[in-house]
C-alpha atoms as a PDB file:
ATOM      1  CA  MET A   1      99.974 103.690 130.794  1.00  0.00           C
ATOM      2  CA  PRO A   2     100.034 105.157 134.335  1.00  0.00           C
ATOM      3  CA  GLU A   3     103.285 106.719 135.536  1.00  0.00           C
ATOM      4  CA  THR A   4     104.444 107.880 138.973  1.00  0.00           C
ATOM      5  CA  THR A   5     105.837 111.396 139.329  1.00  0.00           C
ATOM      6  CA  PRO A   6     109.254 111.080 141.062  1.00  0.00           C
ATOM      7  CA  ASP A   7     108.915 114.172 143.312  1.00  0.00           C
ATOM      8  CA  THR A   8     105.367 113.799 144.539  1.00  0.00           C
ATOM      9  CA  GLY A   9     104.566 110.160 143.984  1.00  0.00           C
ATOM     10  CA  ALA A  10     101.403 111.247 142.211  1.00  0.00           C
ATOM     11  CA  VAL A  11     100.106 108.939 139.512  1.00  0.00           C
ATOM     12  CA  THR A  12      99.752 110.463 136.076  1.00  0.00           C
ATOM     13  CA  SER A  13      98.594 108.908 132.840  1.00  0.00           C
ATOM     14  CA  MET A  14     100.257 109.150 129.460  1.00  0.00           C
ATOM     15  CA  PRO A  15      97.993 110.392 126.659  1.00  0.00           C
ATOM     16  CA  ALA A  16      96.508 107.493 124.752  1.00  0.00           C
ATOM     17  CA  VAL A  17      97.731 107.000 121.210  1.00  0.00           C
ATOM     18  CA  SER A  18      94.899 106.452 118.764  1.00  0.00           C
ATOM     19  CA  SER A  19      94.758 103.322 116.641  1.00  0.00           C
ATOM     20  CA  HIS A  20      95.060 105.618 113.606  1.00  0.00           C
ATOM     21  CA  ASP A  21      98.437 106.920 114.786  1.00  0.00           C
ATOM     22  CA  ARG A  22      99.642 103.496 115.936  1.00  0.00           C
ATOM     23  CA  ILE A  23      98.920 102.111 112.473  1.00  0.00           C
ATOM     24  CA  LEU A  24     100.764 105.003 110.822  1.00  0.00           C
ATOM     25  CA  ARG A  25     103.824 104.551 113.025  1.00  0.00           C
ATOM     26  CA  SER A  26     103.935 100.796 112.570  1.00  0.00           C
ATOM     27  CA  ALA A  27     103.431 100.997 108.822  1.00  0.00           C
ATOM     28  CA  LYS A  28     106.161 103.596 108.383  1.00  0.00           C
ATOM     29  CA  ARG A  29     108.597 101.481 110.375  1.00  0.00           C
ATOM     30  CA  LEU A  30     107.752  98.230 108.559  1.00  0.00           C
ATOM     31  CA  PHE A  31     107.642  99.773 105.080  1.00  0.00           C
ATOM     32  CA  ALA A  32     111.062 101.332 105.671  1.00  0.00           C
ATOM     33  CA  ARG A  33     112.531  98.145 107.123  1.00  0.00           C
ATOM     34  CA  ASN A  34     111.035  95.508 104.821  1.00  0.00           C
ATOM     35  CA  GLY A  35     109.766  97.423 101.782  1.00  0.00           C
ATOM     36  CA  PHE A  36     106.227  98.239 100.716  1.00  0.00           C
ATOM     37  CA  GLU A  37     105.658  95.076  98.701  1.00  0.00           C
ATOM     38  CA  ASN A  38     107.012  92.787 101.424  1.00  0.00           C
ATOM     39  CA  THR A  39     104.875  94.256 104.207  1.00  0.00           C
ATOM     40  CA  SER A  40     101.347  92.934 104.659  1.00  0.00           C
ATOM     41  CA  THR A  41      98.435  94.776 106.208  1.00  0.00           C
ATOM     42  CA  VAL A  42      98.147  91.876 108.658  1.00  0.00           C
ATOM     43  CA  ALA A  43     101.711  92.466 109.880  1.00  0.00           C
ATOM     44  CA  ILE A  44     101.081  96.194 110.242  1.00  0.00           C
ATOM     45  CA  ALA A  45      97.880  95.659 112.212  1.00  0.00           C
ATOM     46  CA  ARG A  46      99.594  93.112 114.445  1.00  0.00           C
ATOM     47  CA  GLU A  47     102.476  95.454 115.281  1.00  0.00           C
ATOM     48  CA  ALA A  48     100.050  98.323 115.868  1.00  0.00           C
ATOM     49  CA  GLY A  49      98.022  96.195 118.294  1.00  0.00           C
ATOM     50  CA  THR A  50      94.834  96.480 116.276  1.00  0.00           C
ATOM     51  CA  SER A  51      92.921  94.614 113.582  1.00  0.00           C
ATOM     52  CA  GLU A  52      93.260  94.598 109.820  1.00  0.00           C
ATOM     53  CA  SER A  53      89.647  95.746 109.572  1.00  0.00           C
ATOM     54  CA  GLN A  54      90.549  98.861 111.585  1.00  0.00           C
ATOM     55  CA  LEU A  55      93.439  99.541 109.220  1.00  0.00           C
ATOM     56  CA  MET A  56      91.099  99.335 106.233  1.00  0.00           C
ATOM     57  CA  LYS A  57      88.530 101.498 108.005  1.00  0.00           C
ATOM     58  CA  HIS A  58      91.065 104.276 108.535  1.00  0.00           C
ATOM     59  CA  PHE A  59      93.071 104.084 105.299  1.00  0.00           C
ATOM     60  CA  GLY A  60      91.131 102.006 102.771  1.00  0.00           C
ATOM     61  CA  SER A  61      94.136 100.104 101.440  1.00  0.00           C
ATOM     62  CA  LYS A  62      97.873  99.650 101.819  1.00  0.00           C
ATOM     63  CA  GLN A  63      98.467 102.338  99.211  1.00  0.00           C
ATOM     64  CA  GLY A  64      96.115 104.653 101.089  1.00  0.00           C
ATOM     65  CA  LEU A  65      98.215 104.029 104.176  1.00  0.00           C
ATOM     66  CA  LEU A  66     101.427 104.880 102.321  1.00  0.00           C
ATOM     67  CA  LEU A  67      99.869 108.124 101.087  1.00  0.00           C
ATOM     68  CA  ALA A  68      98.831 108.989 104.643  1.00  0.00           C
ATOM     69  CA  ILE A  69     102.418 108.469 105.820  1.00  0.00           C
ATOM     70  CA  PHE A  70     103.680 110.831 103.143  1.00  0.00           C
ATOM     71  CA  ASP A  71     100.989 113.389 103.956  1.00  0.00           C
ATOM     72  CA  ARG A  72     102.007 113.270 107.627  1.00  0.00           C
ATOM     73  CA  GLY A  73     105.628 113.783 106.618  1.00  0.00           C
ATOM     74  CA  TRP A  74     104.805 116.689 104.332  1.00  0.00           C
ATOM     75  CA  ALA A  75     102.699 118.231 107.110  1.00  0.00           C
ATOM     76  CA  GLY A  76     105.862 118.394 109.232  1.00  0.00           C
ATOM     77  CA  ILE A  77     107.729 119.998 106.342  1.00  0.00           C
ATOM     78  CA  MET A  78     104.936 122.537 105.840  1.00  0.00           C
ATOM     79  CA  GLU A  79     105.063 123.480 109.528  1.00  0.00           C
ATOM     80  CA  ARG A  80     108.715 124.406 109.057  1.00  0.00           C
ATOM     81  CA  VAL A  81     107.872 126.294 105.856  1.00  0.00           C
ATOM     82  CA  GLN A  82     105.185 128.339 107.616  1.00  0.00           C
ATOM     83  CA  GLY A  83     107.783 129.479 110.136  1.00  0.00           C
ATOM     84  CA  LEU A  84     109.983 131.106 107.488  1.00  0.00           C
ATOM     85  CA  GLN A  85     110.311 134.888 107.534  1.00  0.00           C
ATOM     86  CA  ARG A  86     107.881 136.543 105.160  1.00  0.00           C
ATOM     87  CA  THR A  87     110.124 139.598 104.855  1.00  0.00           C
ATOM     88  CA  ALA A  88     112.884 137.647 103.126  1.00  0.00           C
ATOM     89  CA  SER A  89     113.297 137.883  99.364  1.00  0.00           C
ATOM     90  CA  PRO A  90     111.569 135.240  97.220  1.00  0.00           C
ATOM     91  CA  SER A  91     114.964 133.695  96.406  1.00  0.00           C
ATOM     92  CA  ASP A  92     115.881 133.455 100.093  1.00  0.00           C
ATOM     93  CA  ARG A  93     112.471 131.988 100.891  1.00  0.00           C
ATOM     94  CA  LEU A  94     112.854 129.432  98.111  1.00  0.00           C
ATOM     95  CA  LEU A  95     116.172 128.338  99.605  1.00  0.00           C
ATOM     96  CA  GLY A  96     114.547 128.233 103.060  1.00  0.00           C
ATOM     97  CA  VAL A  97     111.679 126.088 101.758  1.00  0.00           C
ATOM     98  CA  LEU A  98     114.089 123.537 100.301  1.00  0.00           C
ATOM     99  CA  GLN A  99     116.179 123.515 103.471  1.00  0.00           C
ATOM    100  CA  ALA A 100     113.011 122.940 105.526  1.00  0.00           C
ATOM    101  CA  MET A 101     112.329 119.861 103.423  1.00  0.00           C
ATOM    102  CA  VAL A 102     115.861 118.537 103.896  1.00  0.00           C
ATOM    103  CA  ILE A 103     115.862 119.182 107.665  1.00  0.00           C
ATOM    104  CA  GLU A 104     112.530 117.447 108.244  1.00  0.00           C
ATOM    105  CA  VAL A 105     113.258 114.428 106.051  1.00  0.00           C
ATOM    106  CA  ASP A 106     116.803 114.053 107.365  1.00  0.00           C
ATOM    107  CA  SER A 107     115.479 113.999 110.948  1.00  0.00           C
ATOM    108  CA  ASP A 108     113.292 110.932 110.296  1.00  0.00           C
ATOM    109  CA  ALA A 109     115.233 107.945 108.956  1.00  0.00           C
ATOM    110  CA  ASP A 110     112.107 105.919 108.119  1.00  0.00           C
ATOM    111  CA  LEU A 111     110.464 108.816 106.277  1.00  0.00           C
ATOM    112  CA  LYS A 112     113.704 109.456 104.383  1.00  0.00           C
ATOM    113  CA  GLU A 113     113.860 105.811 103.335  1.00  0.00           C
ATOM    114  CA  LEU A 114     110.266 105.833 102.088  1.00  0.00           C
ATOM    115  CA  MET A 115     110.534 109.141 100.242  1.00  0.00           C
ATOM    116  CA  ALA A 116     113.689 107.934  98.527  1.00  0.00           C
ATOM    117  CA  VAL A 117     112.309 104.551  97.460  1.00  0.00           C
ATOM    118  CA  GLU A 118     108.502 104.707  97.412  1.00  0.00           C
ATOM    119  CA  ALA A 119     107.510 108.328  96.736  1.00  0.00           C
ATOM    120  CA  ARG A 120     106.949 107.766  92.998  1.00  0.00           C
ATOM    121  CA  ARG A 121     105.281 104.378  93.279  1.00  0.00           C
ATOM    122  CA  VAL A 122     102.930 103.501  90.395  1.00  0.00           C
ATOM    123  CA  ARG A 123      99.421 102.416  91.381  1.00  0.00           C
ATOM    124  CA  LYS A 124      98.671  98.884  90.262  1.00  0.00           C
ATOM    125  CA  ASP A 125      94.996  99.560  89.632  1.00  0.00           C
ATOM    126  CA  ASN A 126      95.234 102.377  87.077  1.00  0.00           C
ATOM    127  CA  ARG A 127      98.992 102.920  86.485  1.00  0.00           C
ATOM    128  CA  ASP A 128      98.817 106.443  87.924  1.00  0.00           C
ATOM    129  CA  VAL A 129     101.788 107.633  89.977  1.00  0.00           C
ATOM    130  CA  LEU A 130     101.158 107.722  93.709  1.00  0.00           C
ATOM    131  CA  MET A 131     101.215 111.466  94.449  1.00  0.00           C
ATOM    132  CA  SER A 132     100.838 112.832  97.963  1.00  0.00           C
ATOM    133  CA  ARG A 133      98.647 115.899  98.468  1.00  0.00           C
ATOM    134  CA  GLY A 134     101.402 117.256 100.697  1.00  0.00           C
ATOM    135  CA  TYR A 135     103.922 117.043  97.869  1.00  0.00           C
ATOM    136  CA  GLN A 136     101.525 118.824  95.523  1.00  0.00           C
ATOM    137  CA  GLN A 137     101.062 121.630  98.076  1.00  0.00           C
ATOM    138  CA  PHE A 138     104.820 121.917  98.534  1.00  0.00           C
ATOM    139  CA  ALA A 139     105.384 122.057  94.764  1.00  0.00           C
ATOM    140  CA  ALA A 140     102.717 124.782  94.522  1.00  0.00           C
ATOM    141  CA  ILE A 141     104.652 126.881  97.049  1.00  0.00           C
ATOM    142  CA  VAL A 142     107.827 126.473  94.992  1.00  0.00           C
ATOM    143  CA  ASP A 143     105.879 127.462  91.861  1.00  0.00           C
ATOM    144  CA  GLY A 144     104.557 130.569  93.611  1.00  0.00           C
ATOM    145  CA  LEU A 145     108.037 131.640  94.685  1.00  0.00           C
ATOM    146  CA  LEU A 146     109.395 131.116  91.171  1.00  0.00           C
ATOM    147  CA  HIS A 147     106.615 133.351  89.822  1.00  0.00           C
ATOM    148  CA  GLU A 148     107.607 136.011  92.376  1.00  0.00           C
ATOM    149  CA  ILE A 149     111.249 135.724  91.346  1.00  0.00           C
ATOM    150  CA  ARG A 150     110.254 136.123  87.694  1.00  0.00           C
ATOM    151  CA  ALA A 151     108.083 139.136  88.557  1.00  0.00           C
ATOM    152  CA  GLU A 152     111.152 140.756  90.135  1.00  0.00           C
ATOM    153  CA  GLY A 153     113.002 140.321  86.849  1.00  0.00           C
ATOM    154  CA  ARG A 154     115.463 137.818  88.300  1.00  0.00           C
ATOM    155  CA  LEU A 155     114.480 134.942  86.037  1.00  0.00           C
ATOM    156  CA  ARG A 156     114.787 135.129  82.284  1.00  0.00           C
ATOM    157  CA  PRO A 157     111.396 135.086  80.527  1.00  0.00           C
ATOM    158  CA  ASP A 158     112.573 132.315  78.177  1.00  0.00           C
ATOM    159  CA  VAL A 159     113.122 129.871  81.064  1.00  0.00           C
ATOM    160  CA  ASN A 160     110.229 127.476  81.627  1.00  0.00           C
ATOM    161  CA  LEU A 161     109.118 127.643  85.272  1.00  0.00           C
ATOM    162  CA  ASP A 162     107.998 124.011  85.300  1.00  0.00           C
ATOM    163  CA  ALA A 163     111.481 122.981  84.188  1.00  0.00           C
ATOM    164  CA  VAL A 164     113.114 125.103  86.897  1.00  0.00           C
ATOM    165  CA  ARG A 165     110.806 123.675  89.566  1.00  0.00           C
ATOM    166  CA  ALA A 166     111.468 120.109  88.388  1.00  0.00           C
ATOM    167  CA  ALA A 167     115.226 120.744  88.391  1.00  0.00           C
ATOM    168  CA  ILE A 168     115.232 122.232  91.893  1.00  0.00           C
ATOM    169  CA  LEU A 169     112.988 119.617  93.489  1.00  0.00           C
ATOM    170  CA  GLY A 170     114.655 116.765  91.602  1.00  0.00           C
ATOM    171  CA  MET A 171     118.070 117.935  92.746  1.00  0.00           C
ATOM    172  CA  THR A 172     116.947 118.185  96.380  1.00  0.00           C
ATOM    173  CA  GLU A 173     115.246 114.785  96.338  1.00  0.00           C
ATOM    174  CA  GLY A 174     118.239 113.261  94.571  1.00  0.00           C
ATOM    175  CA  LEU A 175     120.651 114.476  97.244  1.00  0.00           C
ATOM    176  CA  LEU A 176     118.541 112.733  99.898  1.00  0.00           C
ATOM    177  CA  ARG A 177     117.872 109.637  97.777  1.00  0.00           C
ATOM    178  CA  ASP A 178     121.532 108.913  97.081  1.00  0.00           C
ATOM    179  CA  GLN A 179     122.251 108.817 100.809  1.00  0.00           C
ATOM    180  CA  VAL A 180     119.665 106.070 101.169  1.00  0.00           C
ATOM    181  CA  VAL A 181     120.793 104.192  98.053  1.00  0.00           C
ATOM    182  CA  ALA A 182     124.437 104.330  99.190  1.00  0.00           C
ATOM    183  CA  LYS A 183     123.561 102.184 102.191  1.00  0.00           C
ATOM    184  CA  ARG A 184     122.401  99.394  99.871  1.00  0.00           C
ATOM    185  CA  SER A 185     124.966  99.596  97.090  1.00  0.00           C
ATOM    186  CA  GLU A 186     128.440 100.747  96.161  1.00  0.00           C
ATOM    187  CA  CYS A 187     127.127 104.193  95.257  1.00  0.00           C
ATOM    188  CA  ARG A 188     129.052 106.901  97.126  1.00  0.00           C
ATOM    189  CA  ALA A 189     127.139 109.569  99.032  1.00  0.00           C
ATOM    190  CA  ASP A 190     129.708 110.654 101.578  1.00  0.00           C
ATOM    191  CA  TYR A 191     128.118 113.994 102.454  1.00  0.00           C
ATOM    192  CA  THR A 192     126.226 115.466 105.387  1.00  0.00           C
ATOM    193  CA  PHE A 193     123.239 117.754 105.882  1.00  0.00           C
ATOM    194  CA  ASP A 194     125.610 120.732 105.945  1.00  0.00           C
ATOM    195  CA  ASP A 195     127.003 119.636 102.586  1.00  0.00           C
ATOM    196  CA  ILE A 196     123.483 119.445 101.144  1.00  0.00           C
ATOM    197  CA  ARG A 197     122.700 122.900 102.494  1.00  0.00           C
ATOM    198  CA  LYS A 198     125.870 124.288 100.923  1.00  0.00           C
ATOM    199  CA  VAL A 199     125.001 122.775  97.531  1.00  0.00           C
ATOM    200  CA  LEU A 200     121.523 124.312  97.693  1.00  0.00           C
ATOM    201  CA  GLU A 201     122.970 127.700  98.679  1.00  0.00           C
ATOM    202  CA  ILE A 202     125.191 127.629  95.602  1.00  0.00           C
ATOM    203  CA  LEU A 203     122.902 126.108  92.972  1.00  0.00           C
ATOM    204  CA  VAL A 204     119.473 127.588  93.782  1.00  0.00           C
ATOM    205  CA  PRO A 205     120.582 131.215  93.265  1.00  0.00           C
ATOM    206  CA  ALA A 206     122.328 130.140  90.066  1.00  0.00           C
ATOM    207  CA  LEU A 207     119.117 128.591  88.717  1.00  0.00           C
ATOM    208  CA  THR A 208     117.124 131.725  89.514  1.00  0.00           C
ATOM    209  CA  SER A 209     119.633 134.372  88.429  1.00  0.00           C
ATOM    210  CA  GLU A 210     119.129 136.363  85.254  1.00  0.00           C
ATOM    211  CA  ALA A 211     122.903 136.874  85.053  1.00  0.00           C
ATOM    212  CA  ILE A 212     123.514 133.370  83.697  1.00  0.00           C
ATOM    213  CA  PRO A 213     124.041 133.425  79.901  1.00  0.00           C
ATOM    214  CA  PRO A 214     121.700 131.204  77.925  1.00  0.00           C
ATOM    215  CA  LEU A 215     122.997 127.811  76.806  1.00  0.00           C
ATOM    216  CA  LYS A 216     123.807 127.394  73.116  1.00  0.00           C
ATOM    217  CA  ALA A 217     121.316 125.238  71.253  1.00  0.00           C
ATOM    218  CA  VAL A 218     122.594 121.828  70.252  1.00  0.00           C
ATOM    219  CA  ASN A 219     121.303 119.463  67.600  1.00  0.00           C
ATOM    220  CA  ARG A 220     119.704 116.288  68.926  1.00  0.00           C
END
């Protein structure tokens, strides 16, 4: 849309937004507001000012569109991750990676809503769990840092790295998810981003420290 520059009166034009991006923005907003199941591809196309056939051309299906939204969100998280100092210790970088995730997700209310509610959606066609490539890349970075921490001797050899990664990521996602759930229920989540950061600063080093005594085995 043309705009007039206040000082000179010159006419400038705003960069055009592609139909691909308009569809992504509209879908993210509608999915977050109405839920994935209650949002039709027709409604998304209408809000994006394009056709349903264009939506299918770009994304293949509604689930493909949801995956693309997550991939876009994880791309923003990865940009923050790439900016972390490489000279920091693996433990400090692991904390920074998790904080980058929290900062990016917390800055986008619609993305936060979708990641909390829809990120582990099961595909109807083959019962597989919807898994974003961006999430897999992020998890691989966490795995790599845990291997570095173990190589430094700061993680006991009897601790399963997959379990540690699941605990750390599950804890981080859970802190964000409960904030979303609290808006819809009586669940309390009266904490801020700074509170989340403080929890991560306390618990992540504890999970990766060799100084913690092993838990006693219990009969199940």
